[in-house]
Amino acid sequence: MSIALTVAGSLLAGAALAGCGGEVAVYRDLPVIIDGSLSPAYQEGDPEITVGDFEADGFKALADGGELPIVRARQGGRWIHLGVRVRGVGGRAGQLAVGLVTGPASGTTLVDARVTVRPTPAHGWLELRQAQLHVPKTDPEVAELAGQGATLTVGFDAAGERAEVVVGVVLVDG
């Protein structure tokens, strides 16, 4: 209520002042000119992608040789969960491609997925907080994968530009 009174008081005071000197207040919108040179921070620089996970509100990058849990869902599915940051691409909407292949001895493809995504701009990056990707293995098969090395490939294609990263990981039964 005090805000309404303050605004009303300001309007009355402005009207009284305008009437004293015979001056009339003029309000107009000035034109805004954009020459097209400004671009979002995530579009600047060379294409770059970082894969990891979001803990609370912070991004934690997955280091080469880091652990990648295969999560067992309550209803029986098995998944990997990834957070992705990308920049240096021309558009927001794009294709996320994820491949997860076990070491050269067996060379089993665990994940081969392509998903259309629209990451959110934040801190100069496009962020995808959580990509949940199905791993079509049984619980005993997931248990056997624990401790094995694998190669995780994550790519993002948008507006004709591609960012890709390849990370060696150790699979963990999560």
C-alpha atoms as a PDB file:
ATOM      1  CA  MET A   1       0.000   0.000   0.000  1.00  0.00           C
ATOM      2  CA  SER A   2       2.852   2.406   0.740  1.00  0.00           C
ATOM      3  CA  ILE A   3       4.242   1.814  -2.741  1.00  0.00           C
ATOM      4  CA  ALA A   4       0.938   2.931  -4.297  1.00  0.00           C
ATOM      5  CA  LEU A   5       0.922   6.072  -2.142  1.00  0.00           C
ATOM      6  CA  THR A   6       4.521   6.841  -3.067  1.00  0.00           C
ATOM      7  CA  VAL A   7       3.780   6.476  -6.770  1.00  0.00           C
ATOM      8  CA  ALA A   8       0.622   8.606  -6.497  1.00  0.00           C
ATOM      9  CA  GLY A   9       2.535  11.248  -4.509  1.00  0.00           C
ATOM     10  CA  SER A  10       5.285  11.328  -7.116  1.00  0.00           C
ATOM     11  CA  LEU A  11       2.760  11.814  -9.909  1.00  0.00           C
ATOM     12  CA  LEU A  12       1.094  14.699  -8.050  1.00  0.00           C
ATOM     13  CA  ALA A  13       4.443  16.341  -7.299  1.00  0.00           C
ATOM     14  CA  GLY A  14       5.484  15.986 -10.952  1.00  0.00           C
ATOM     15  CA  ALA A  15       2.219  17.515 -12.139  1.00  0.00           C
ATOM     16  CA  ALA A  16       2.587  20.408  -9.697  1.00  0.00           C
ATOM     17  CA  LEU A  17       6.157  21.120 -10.813  1.00  0.00           C
ATOM     18  CA  ALA A  18       5.215  20.940 -14.477  1.00  0.00           C
ATOM     19  CA  GLY A  19       2.435  23.437 -13.888  1.00  0.00           C
ATOM     20  CA  CYS A  20       4.714  25.955 -12.131  1.00  0.00           C
ATOM     21  CA  GLY A  21       6.983  26.809 -15.028  1.00  0.00           C
ATOM     22  CA  GLY A  22       4.599  26.091 -17.838  1.00  0.00           C
ATOM     23  CA  GLU A  23       6.876  23.241 -19.013  1.00  0.00           C
ATOM     24  CA  VAL A  24       5.358  19.994 -20.159  1.00  0.00           C
ATOM     25  CA  ALA A  25       7.135  16.689 -19.552  1.00  0.00           C
ATOM     26  CA  VAL A  26       7.676  14.716 -22.743  1.00  0.00           C
ATOM     27  CA  TYR A  27       8.210  10.980 -22.671  1.00  0.00           C
ATOM     28  CA  ARG A  28       9.434   9.108 -25.703  1.00  0.00           C
ATOM     29  CA  ASP A  29      11.172   5.845 -26.474  1.00  0.00           C
ATOM     30  CA  LEU A  30      14.518   6.261 -28.147  1.00  0.00           C
ATOM     31  CA  PRO A  31      15.219   3.844 -30.987  1.00  0.00           C
ATOM     32  CA  VAL A  32      17.561   0.960 -30.209  1.00  0.00           C
ATOM     33  CA  ILE A  33      19.885   0.048 -33.047  1.00  0.00           C
ATOM     34  CA  ILE A  34      21.546  -3.344 -33.111  1.00  0.00           C
ATOM     35  CA  ASP A  35      24.059  -3.877 -35.875  1.00  0.00           C
ATOM     36  CA  GLY A  36      24.039  -7.666 -35.582  1.00  0.00           C
ATOM     37  CA  SER A  37      27.591  -7.887 -34.241  1.00  0.00           C
ATOM     38  CA  LEU A  38      26.543  -8.906 -30.745  1.00  0.00           C
ATOM     39  CA  SER A  39      26.224 -12.632 -30.223  1.00  0.00           C
ATOM     40  CA  PRO A  40      25.595 -14.747 -27.136  1.00  0.00           C
ATOM     41  CA  ALA A  41      28.755 -15.724 -25.256  1.00  0.00           C
ATOM     42  CA  TYR A  42      28.143 -19.412 -25.992  1.00  0.00           C
ATOM     43  CA  GLN A  43      28.535 -18.705 -29.737  1.00  0.00           C
ATOM     44  CA  GLU A  44      31.995 -17.150 -29.396  1.00  0.00           C
ATOM     45  CA  GLY A  45      35.260 -19.002 -29.905  1.00  0.00           C
ATOM     46  CA  ASP A  46      36.030 -22.414 -31.318  1.00  0.00           C
ATOM     47  CA  PRO A  47      33.565 -25.278 -30.782  1.00  0.00           C
ATOM     48  CA  GLU A  48      34.220 -26.833 -27.389  1.00  0.00           C
ATOM     49  CA  ILE A  49      32.371 -29.430 -25.325  1.00  0.00           C
ATOM     50  CA  THR A  50      32.871 -30.679 -21.786  1.00  0.00           C
ATOM     51  CA  VAL A  51      31.132 -33.716 -20.322  1.00  0.00           C
ATOM     52  CA  GLY A  52      30.581 -34.320 -16.642  1.00  0.00           C
ATOM     53  CA  ASP A  53      27.819 -34.027 -14.093  1.00  0.00           C
ATOM     54  CA  PHE A  54      25.998 -31.341 -12.154  1.00  0.00           C
ATOM     55  CA  GLU A  55      26.266 -31.595  -8.389  1.00  0.00           C
ATOM     56  CA  ALA A  56      23.811 -29.187  -6.763  1.00  0.00           C
ATOM     57  CA  ASP A  57      24.321 -26.140  -9.017  1.00  0.00           C
ATOM     58  CA  GLY A  58      27.975 -26.740  -9.845  1.00  0.00           C
ATOM     59  CA  PHE A  59      29.345 -28.493 -12.913  1.00  0.00           C
ATOM     60  CA  LYS A  60      31.968 -31.173 -12.301  1.00  0.00           C
ATOM     61  CA  ALA A  61      33.880 -32.185 -15.435  1.00  0.00           C
ATOM     62  CA  LEU A  62      34.606 -35.865 -16.026  1.00  0.00           C
ATOM     63  CA  ALA A  63      38.386 -36.263 -16.106  1.00  0.00           C
ATOM     64  CA  ASP A  64      40.083 -38.665 -18.491  1.00  0.00           C
ATOM     65  CA  GLY A  65      40.267 -41.958 -16.578  1.00  0.00           C
ATOM     66  CA  GLY A  66      37.435 -40.874 -14.254  1.00  0.00           C
ATOM     67  CA  GLU A  67      34.647 -43.118 -13.034  1.00  0.00           C
ATOM     68  CA  LEU A  68      31.374 -43.324 -14.943  1.00  0.00           C
ATOM     69  CA  PRO A  69      28.607 -44.995 -12.930  1.00  0.00           C
ATOM     70  CA  ILE A  70      26.011 -47.196 -14.564  1.00  0.00           C
ATOM     71  CA  VAL A  71      22.980 -46.406 -12.434  1.00  0.00           C
ATOM     72  CA  ARG A  72      20.362 -49.042 -11.661  1.00  0.00           C
ATOM     73  CA  ALA A  73      16.918 -47.496 -11.659  1.00  0.00           C
ATOM     74  CA  ARG A  74      14.222 -48.612  -9.241  1.00  0.00           C
ATOM     75  CA  GLN A  75      12.056 -50.030 -12.011  1.00  0.00           C
ATOM     76  CA  GLY A  76      14.804 -52.172 -13.483  1.00  0.00           C
ATOM     77  CA  GLY A  77      16.473 -50.009 -16.130  1.00  0.00           C
ATOM     78  CA  ARG A  78      20.194 -49.220 -16.278  1.00  0.00           C
ATOM     79  CA  TRP A  79      21.408 -45.755 -17.293  1.00  0.00           C
ATOM     80  CA  ILE A  80      24.320 -43.398 -17.520  1.00  0.00           C
ATOM     81  CA  HIS A  81      23.609 -39.810 -16.527  1.00  0.00           C
ATOM     82  CA  LEU A  82      25.664 -37.036 -18.104  1.00  0.00           C
ATOM     83  CA  GLY A  83      25.851 -33.284 -17.816  1.00  0.00           C
ATOM     84  CA  VAL A  84      27.121 -31.462 -20.913  1.00  0.00           C
ATOM     85  CA  ARG A  85      28.494 -27.961 -21.496  1.00  0.00           C
ATOM     86  CA  VAL A  86      29.090 -26.689 -25.022  1.00  0.00           C
ATOM     87  CA  ARG A  87      30.118 -23.387 -26.630  1.00  0.00           C
ATOM     88  CA  GLY A  88      31.385 -22.089 -29.940  1.00  0.00           C
ATOM     89  CA  VAL A  89      28.357 -23.364 -31.856  1.00  0.00           C
ATOM     90  CA  GLY A  90      25.976 -21.227 -33.875  1.00  0.00           C
ATOM     91  CA  GLY A  91      22.645 -22.305 -32.414  1.00  0.00           C
ATOM     92  CA  ARG A  92      20.973 -23.582 -29.305  1.00  0.00           C
ATOM     93  CA  ALA A  93      18.949 -26.514 -30.607  1.00  0.00           C
ATOM     94  CA  GLY A  94      20.998 -29.407 -31.866  1.00  0.00           C
ATOM     95  CA  GLN A  95      21.793 -33.091 -31.893  1.00  0.00           C
ATOM     96  CA  LEU A  96      23.542 -34.693 -28.945  1.00  0.00           C
ATOM     97  CA  ALA A  97      25.372 -37.879 -29.918  1.00  0.00           C
ATOM     98  CA  VAL A  98      26.708 -40.190 -27.209  1.00  0.00           C
ATOM     99  CA  GLY A  99      28.694 -43.373 -27.676  1.00  0.00           C
ATOM    100  CA  LEU A 100      30.027 -45.613 -24.913  1.00  0.00           C
ATOM    101  CA  VAL A 101      32.195 -48.571 -25.950  1.00  0.00           C
ATOM    102  CA  THR A 102      34.065 -50.924 -23.626  1.00  0.00           C
ATOM    103  CA  GLY A 103      37.803 -51.471 -23.978  1.00  0.00           C
ATOM    104  CA  PRO A 104      39.445 -52.972 -27.073  1.00  0.00           C
ATOM    105  CA  ALA A 105      39.411 -56.549 -25.699  1.00  0.00           C
ATOM    106  CA  SER A 106      35.642 -56.935 -26.018  1.00  0.00           C
ATOM    107  CA  GLY A 107      34.690 -53.757 -27.872  1.00  0.00           C
ATOM    108  CA  THR A 108      31.053 -53.902 -26.782  1.00  0.00           C
ATOM    109  CA  THR A 109      28.857 -50.910 -27.568  1.00  0.00           C
ATOM    110  CA  LEU A 110      26.913 -50.030 -24.429  1.00  0.00           C
ATOM    111  CA  VAL A 111      25.354 -46.763 -25.630  1.00  0.00           C
ATOM    112  CA  ASP A 112      24.846 -45.378 -29.138  1.00  0.00           C
ATOM    113  CA  ALA A 113      22.305 -42.569 -28.885  1.00  0.00           C
ATOM    114  CA  ARG A 114      21.325 -39.465 -30.822  1.00  0.00           C
ATOM    115  CA  VAL A 115      18.902 -37.062 -29.197  1.00  0.00           C
ATOM    116  CA  THR A 116      17.595 -33.637 -30.238  1.00  0.00           C
ATOM    117  CA  VAL A 117      18.187 -31.244 -27.338  1.00  0.00           C
ATOM    118  CA  ARG A 118      17.909 -27.540 -26.539  1.00  0.00           C
ATOM    119  CA  PRO A 119      20.462 -26.736 -23.824  1.00  0.00           C
ATOM    120  CA  THR A 120      20.049 -23.674 -21.604  1.00  0.00           C
ATOM    121  CA  PRO A 121      22.500 -20.725 -21.825  1.00  0.00           C
ATOM    122  CA  ALA A 122      24.406 -20.200 -18.566  1.00  0.00           C
ATOM    123  CA  HIS A 123      27.773 -18.656 -17.690  1.00  0.00           C
ATOM    124  CA  GLY A 124      28.899 -18.425 -21.331  1.00  0.00           C
ATOM    125  CA  TRP A 125      28.016 -22.060 -22.037  1.00  0.00           C
ATOM    126  CA  LEU A 126      25.029 -24.005 -23.255  1.00  0.00           C
ATOM    127  CA  GLU A 127      24.240 -26.452 -20.476  1.00  0.00           C
ATOM    128  CA  LEU A 128      22.360 -29.722 -20.592  1.00  0.00           C
ATOM    129  CA  ARG A 129      21.886 -30.604 -16.944  1.00  0.00           C
ATOM    130  CA  GLN A 130      21.134 -34.277 -17.356  1.00  0.00           C
ATOM    131  CA  ALA A 131      21.108 -36.588 -20.329  1.00  0.00           C
ATOM    132  CA  GLN A 132      19.812 -39.995 -19.254  1.00  0.00           C
ATOM    133  CA  LEU A 133      20.942 -42.698 -21.634  1.00  0.00           C
ATOM    134  CA  HIS A 134      19.776 -46.295 -21.451  1.00  0.00           C
ATOM    135  CA  VAL A 135      22.307 -49.133 -21.109  1.00  0.00           C
ATOM    136  CA  PRO A 136      20.609 -52.336 -22.342  1.00  0.00           C
ATOM    137  CA  LYS A 137      22.319 -54.764 -19.945  1.00  0.00           C
ATOM    138  CA  THR A 138      21.090 -57.004 -17.141  1.00  0.00           C
ATOM    139  CA  ASP A 139      22.133 -56.485 -13.528  1.00  0.00           C
ATOM    140  CA  PRO A 140      24.674 -59.365 -13.662  1.00  0.00           C
ATOM    141  CA  GLU A 141      26.136 -57.949 -16.902  1.00  0.00           C
ATOM    142  CA  VAL A 142      26.455 -54.481 -15.320  1.00  0.00           C
ATOM    143  CA  ALA A 143      28.195 -56.019 -12.295  1.00  0.00           C
ATOM    144  CA  GLU A 144      30.708 -57.693 -14.655  1.00  0.00           C
ATOM    145  CA  LEU A 145      31.455 -54.325 -16.309  1.00  0.00           C
ATOM    146  CA  ALA A 146      32.562 -52.740 -13.015  1.00  0.00           C
ATOM    147  CA  GLY A 147      36.207 -51.712 -13.179  1.00  0.00           C
ATOM    148  CA  GLN A 148      36.473 -52.057 -16.964  1.00  0.00           C
ATOM    149  CA  GLY A 149      37.792 -49.251 -19.124  1.00  0.00           C
ATOM    150  CA  ALA A 150      35.587 -47.705 -21.777  1.00  0.00           C
ATOM    151  CA  THR A 151      35.595 -44.850 -24.258  1.00  0.00           C
ATOM    152  CA  LEU A 152      32.922 -42.178 -23.973  1.00  0.00           C
ATOM    153  CA  THR A 153      32.368 -40.008 -27.065  1.00  0.00           C
ATOM    154  CA  VAL A 154      30.035 -37.003 -26.780  1.00  0.00           C
ATOM    155  CA  GLY A 155      29.252 -34.698 -29.698  1.00  0.00           C
ATOM    156  CA  PHE A 156      26.912 -31.773 -30.251  1.00  0.00           C
ATOM    157  CA  ASP A 157      25.864 -30.548 -33.708  1.00  0.00           C
ATOM    158  CA  ALA A 158      24.102 -27.185 -34.060  1.00  0.00           C
ATOM    159  CA  ALA A 159      23.711 -24.776 -36.968  1.00  0.00           C
ATOM    160  CA  GLY A 160      26.296 -26.642 -39.056  1.00  0.00           C
ATOM    161  CA  GLU A 161      28.978 -26.656 -36.354  1.00  0.00           C
ATOM    162  CA  ARG A 162      30.177 -29.615 -34.290  1.00  0.00           C
ATOM    163  CA  ALA A 163      31.892 -29.934 -30.935  1.00  0.00           C
ATOM    164  CA  GLU A 164      33.126 -33.340 -29.798  1.00  0.00           C
ATOM    165  CA  VAL A 165      35.059 -34.807 -26.903  1.00  0.00           C
ATOM    166  CA  VAL A 166      36.412 -38.315 -26.286  1.00  0.00           C
ATOM    167  CA  VAL A 167      37.092 -39.369 -22.694  1.00  0.00           C
ATOM    168  CA  GLY A 168      38.519 -42.617 -21.351  1.00  0.00           C
ATOM    169  CA  VAL A 169      36.419 -43.750 -18.370  1.00  0.00           C
ATOM    170  CA  VAL A 170      36.275 -46.553 -15.838  1.00  0.00           C
ATOM    171  CA  LEU A 171      32.828 -48.091 -15.513  1.00  0.00           C
ATOM    172  CA  VAL A 172      31.379 -48.316 -12.018  1.00  0.00           C
ATOM    173  CA  ASP A 173      28.350 -50.333 -10.905  1.00  0.00           C
ATOM    174  CA  GLY A 174      26.260 -47.500  -9.479  1.00  0.00           C
END
